């Protein structure tokens, strides 16, 4: 059966005190502007002390994450992956990932907000990667029209994000949700755009394994 109740439930939740995508984006823009600046960290020789700067930046991002977790009532879900990245999910389906690399948070930690998220098992992740590898230049477009088996958000599952917020929505892939599966349909010719083959144009990201569900 098609999971047609998701949108109704999401709309009902939005009326509560959740962040909207715009509110969360503006908050993060403001916070990241206040974070340490590279050239403010000089050593005795007047050169930039990169190690001290990176440590201060990592500490600032961690402080932001801690504060957002304290506001967990304003999110539908919060979880962390084995790389240390933390995801904040809104009832609209939007996902904000704060990316860790090697357990540290740097300049690229704030990732693009996406509009859709679902979860897959490690076996399904490997199957998807095999499809993508075999497709060569088509890459993730090879997933179009393919049923992808989904699982609930849980430790051990992998997040899949789709459609970057702020990109032209006419190019968004369309996610068809069914009970236990999804099908990704591409934009392009299906939307009447001349000479534009259906494809996943606005981004897809398959995340690392979830190790902690915070909410």
Protein backbone atom coordinates (compact mmCIF):
# COMPACT_ATOMS: atom_id res chain seq x y z
CA UNK A 1 0.00 0.00 0.00
CA UNK A 2 1.29 3.52 -0.85
CA UNK A 3 2.36 5.43 2.25
CA UNK A 4 -0.09 8.27 1.54
CA UNK A 5 -0.49 9.35 5.18
CA UNK A 6 3.09 10.66 5.49
CA UNK A 7 2.29 14.12 4.12
CA UNK A 8 -0.74 14.55 6.36
CA UNK A 9 1.23 13.58 9.45
CA UNK A 10 4.07 15.90 8.48
CA UNK A 11 1.69 18.84 8.03
CA UNK A 12 0.16 18.19 11.45
CA UNK A 13 3.59 18.12 13.10
CA UNK A 14 4.66 21.40 11.48
CA UNK A 15 2.00 23.22 13.51
CA UNK A 16 3.98 22.34 16.64
CA UNK A 17 7.16 24.17 17.69
CA UNK A 18 9.45 22.60 15.10
CA UNK A 19 12.08 24.50 13.17
CA UNK A 20 11.08 25.34 9.64
CA UNK A 21 13.73 24.76 6.95
CA UNK A 22 14.17 28.52 6.57
CA UNK A 23 14.55 29.10 10.31
CA UNK A 24 17.16 26.37 10.67
CA UNK A 25 19.09 27.59 7.62
CA UNK A 26 19.20 31.17 8.90
CA UNK A 27 20.34 29.99 12.33
CA UNK A 28 23.20 27.97 10.87
CA UNK A 29 24.30 30.80 8.57
CA UNK A 30 24.43 33.14 11.58
CA UNK A 31 26.31 30.67 13.78
CA UNK A 32 28.89 29.71 11.15
CA UNK A 33 29.63 33.39 10.47
CA UNK A 34 30.63 33.73 14.14
CA UNK A 35 33.03 30.77 14.08
CA UNK A 36 36.84 31.17 14.29
CA UNK A 37 38.62 32.78 11.35
CA UNK A 38 41.79 31.23 9.96
CA UNK A 39 43.95 34.36 9.97
CA UNK A 40 43.12 35.23 13.59
CA UNK A 41 45.27 32.37 14.84
CA UNK A 42 48.90 33.49 14.69
CA UNK A 43 51.91 31.98 16.42
CA UNK A 44 54.88 33.90 17.79
CA UNK A 45 56.37 34.08 14.31
CA UNK A 46 53.27 35.72 12.87
CA UNK A 47 52.28 32.63 10.91
CA UNK A 48 48.87 31.04 11.11
CA UNK A 49 48.74 28.31 13.73
CA UNK A 50 46.67 25.84 11.73
CA UNK A 51 46.40 23.20 14.45
CA UNK A 52 45.06 25.67 17.00
CA UNK A 53 42.63 27.09 14.44
CA UNK A 54 41.29 23.66 13.49
CA UNK A 55 40.86 22.73 17.14
CA UNK A 56 38.96 25.96 17.86
CA UNK A 57 36.73 25.47 14.81
CA UNK A 58 35.97 21.88 15.78
CA UNK A 59 35.08 23.02 19.29
CA UNK A 60 32.74 25.71 17.92
CA UNK A 61 30.88 23.23 15.70
CA UNK A 62 30.56 20.77 18.58
CA UNK A 63 29.08 23.54 20.71
CA UNK A 64 26.52 24.26 18.01
CA UNK A 65 25.60 20.57 17.74
CA UNK A 66 25.23 20.29 21.52
CA UNK A 67 22.91 23.30 21.57
CA UNK A 68 20.79 21.92 18.73
CA UNK A 69 20.51 18.58 20.52
CA UNK A 70 19.29 20.43 23.61
CA UNK A 71 16.49 21.71 21.35
CA UNK A 72 15.65 18.22 20.14
CA UNK A 73 11.93 18.88 20.63
CA UNK A 74 12.19 21.14 17.56
CA UNK A 75 13.28 18.25 15.34
CA UNK A 76 11.56 15.05 14.25
CA UNK A 77 14.76 13.00 14.46
CA UNK A 78 18.44 13.41 15.28
CA UNK A 79 21.09 10.74 14.69
CA UNK A 80 24.83 10.25 14.30
CA UNK A 81 26.86 8.07 11.91
CA UNK A 82 30.07 6.14 12.42
CA UNK A 83 32.08 9.04 10.95
CA UNK A 84 30.71 11.37 13.61
CA UNK A 85 28.37 13.29 11.29
CA UNK A 86 25.12 14.44 12.90
CA UNK A 87 21.81 14.72 11.02
CA UNK A 88 18.89 16.90 12.09
CA UNK A 89 15.57 15.94 10.47
CA UNK A 90 12.53 18.21 10.24
CA UNK A 91 8.90 17.08 9.97
CA UNK A 92 8.85 18.44 6.40
CA UNK A 93 11.36 15.72 5.48
CA UNK A 94 14.23 18.20 5.22
CA UNK A 95 17.58 16.95 6.47
CA UNK A 96 20.51 19.04 7.71
CA UNK A 97 23.79 17.16 7.93
CA UNK A 98 26.75 18.50 9.91
CA UNK A 99 29.62 16.50 8.50
CA UNK A 100 32.58 15.12 10.41
CA UNK A 101 35.77 13.92 8.74
CA UNK A 102 38.08 11.75 10.78
CA UNK A 103 35.99 12.56 13.83
CA UNK A 104 36.61 16.33 13.41
CA UNK A 105 34.39 19.17 12.23
CA UNK A 106 35.96 21.63 9.80
CA UNK A 107 35.07 24.35 7.30
CA UNK A 108 33.03 21.95 5.17
CA UNK A 109 31.01 20.60 8.07
CA UNK A 110 27.81 22.42 7.18
CA UNK A 111 26.34 20.53 4.24
CA UNK A 112 23.50 21.52 1.92
CA UNK A 113 20.06 20.95 3.39
CA UNK A 114 18.09 18.32 1.47
CA UNK A 115 14.34 17.89 1.02
CA UNK A 116 13.93 14.10 1.27
CA UNK A 117 15.44 11.35 3.40
CA UNK A 118 14.90 7.61 3.77
CA UNK A 119 16.87 4.72 5.24
CA UNK A 120 18.32 1.49 3.86
CA UNK A 121 20.05 -1.60 5.22
CA UNK A 122 23.80 -2.27 4.70
CA UNK A 123 22.90 -4.99 2.18
CA UNK A 124 20.72 -2.57 0.19
CA UNK A 125 23.46 0.05 0.33
CA UNK A 126 25.91 -2.42 -1.20
CA UNK A 127 23.39 -3.39 -3.89
CA UNK A 128 22.90 0.27 -4.79
CA UNK A 129 26.63 0.93 -4.95
CA UNK A 130 27.04 -2.09 -7.25
CA UNK A 131 24.37 -0.67 -9.58
CA UNK A 132 26.10 2.72 -9.58
CA UNK A 133 29.56 1.24 -10.22
CA UNK A 134 28.33 -0.90 -13.10
CA UNK A 135 26.49 2.05 -14.63
CA UNK A 136 29.78 3.94 -15.06
CA UNK A 137 29.03 7.42 -16.48
CA UNK A 138 25.30 7.17 -15.70
CA UNK A 139 26.17 6.69 -12.04
CA UNK A 140 23.23 7.45 -9.74
CA UNK A 141 20.90 8.00 -12.69
CA UNK A 142 20.94 4.21 -13.03
CA UNK A 143 18.74 4.12 -9.91
CA UNK A 144 15.85 5.87 -11.65
CA UNK A 145 12.75 3.69 -11.65
CA UNK A 146 14.42 1.05 -9.48
CA UNK A 147 12.63 -0.08 -6.32
CA UNK A 148 14.86 0.53 -3.30
CA UNK A 149 14.06 -1.41 -0.15
CA UNK A 150 13.77 0.84 2.89
CA UNK A 151 14.00 0.24 6.63
CA UNK A 152 13.04 2.35 9.65
CA UNK A 153 15.55 4.78 11.12
CA UNK A 154 17.66 2.64 13.43
CA UNK A 155 21.22 1.91 14.50
CA UNK A 156 22.90 0.02 11.65
CA UNK A 157 20.86 1.56 8.83
CA UNK A 158 22.15 4.12 6.29
CA UNK A 159 20.52 7.49 5.48
CA UNK A 160 19.84 8.48 1.87
CA UNK A 161 19.30 12.20 1.20
CA UNK A 162 17.79 13.55 -1.99
CA UNK A 163 17.20 16.99 -3.59
CA UNK A 164 19.24 19.93 -2.32
CA UNK A 165 17.17 22.78 -0.88
CA UNK A 166 17.62 25.99 -2.85
CA UNK A 167 18.29 24.34 -6.21
CA UNK A 168 15.73 24.84 -8.97
CA UNK A 169 12.86 22.56 -7.85
CA UNK A 170 11.89 21.80 -11.45
CA UNK A 171 14.93 19.50 -11.52
CA UNK A 172 14.07 17.69 -8.27
CA UNK A 173 13.87 13.93 -8.46
CA UNK A 174 10.46 12.73 -7.32
CA UNK A 175 10.36 10.18 -4.54
CA UNK A 176 7.54 7.66 -4.77
CA UNK A 177 7.10 6.16 -1.30
CA UNK A 178 5.57 2.73 -0.75
CA UNK A 179 5.40 0.59 2.34
CA UNK A 180 8.93 -0.83 2.69
CA UNK A 181 10.32 0.71 -0.51
CA UNK A 182 10.80 3.86 -2.56
CA UNK A 183 11.18 4.56 -6.27
CA UNK A 184 13.17 7.56 -7.48
CA UNK A 185 11.83 9.21 -10.64
CA UNK A 186 13.93 11.82 -12.41
CA UNK A 187 13.16 15.28 -13.69
CA UNK A 188 13.85 16.38 -17.23
CA UNK A 189 11.72 15.21 -20.15
CA UNK A 190 9.01 13.98 -17.80
CA UNK A 191 8.56 17.62 -16.80
CA UNK A 192 8.56 18.88 -20.37
CA UNK A 193 12.08 20.31 -20.46
CA UNK A 194 13.44 20.04 -24.03
CA UNK A 195 16.63 18.01 -24.56
CA UNK A 196 16.91 17.16 -20.89
CA UNK A 197 16.87 13.44 -20.19
CA UNK A 198 15.32 12.28 -16.90
CA UNK A 199 18.04 12.30 -14.27
CA UNK A 200 18.90 12.90 -10.65
CA UNK A 201 19.97 16.53 -11.03
CA UNK A 202 19.67 18.06 -7.60
CA UNK A 203 21.85 15.74 -5.55
CA UNK A 204 21.79 12.41 -3.77
CA UNK A 205 23.88 11.36 -0.78
CA UNK A 206 24.15 7.92 0.79
CA UNK A 207 25.48 8.28 4.30
CA UNK A 208 27.58 6.14 6.58
CA UNK A 209 26.13 3.65 9.02
CA UNK A 210 24.07 5.10 11.86
CA UNK A 211 25.61 4.36 15.26
CA UNK A 212 23.46 6.51 17.53
CA UNK A 213 19.84 7.59 17.39
CA UNK A 214 19.49 10.66 19.58
CA UNK A 215 15.81 11.20 18.90
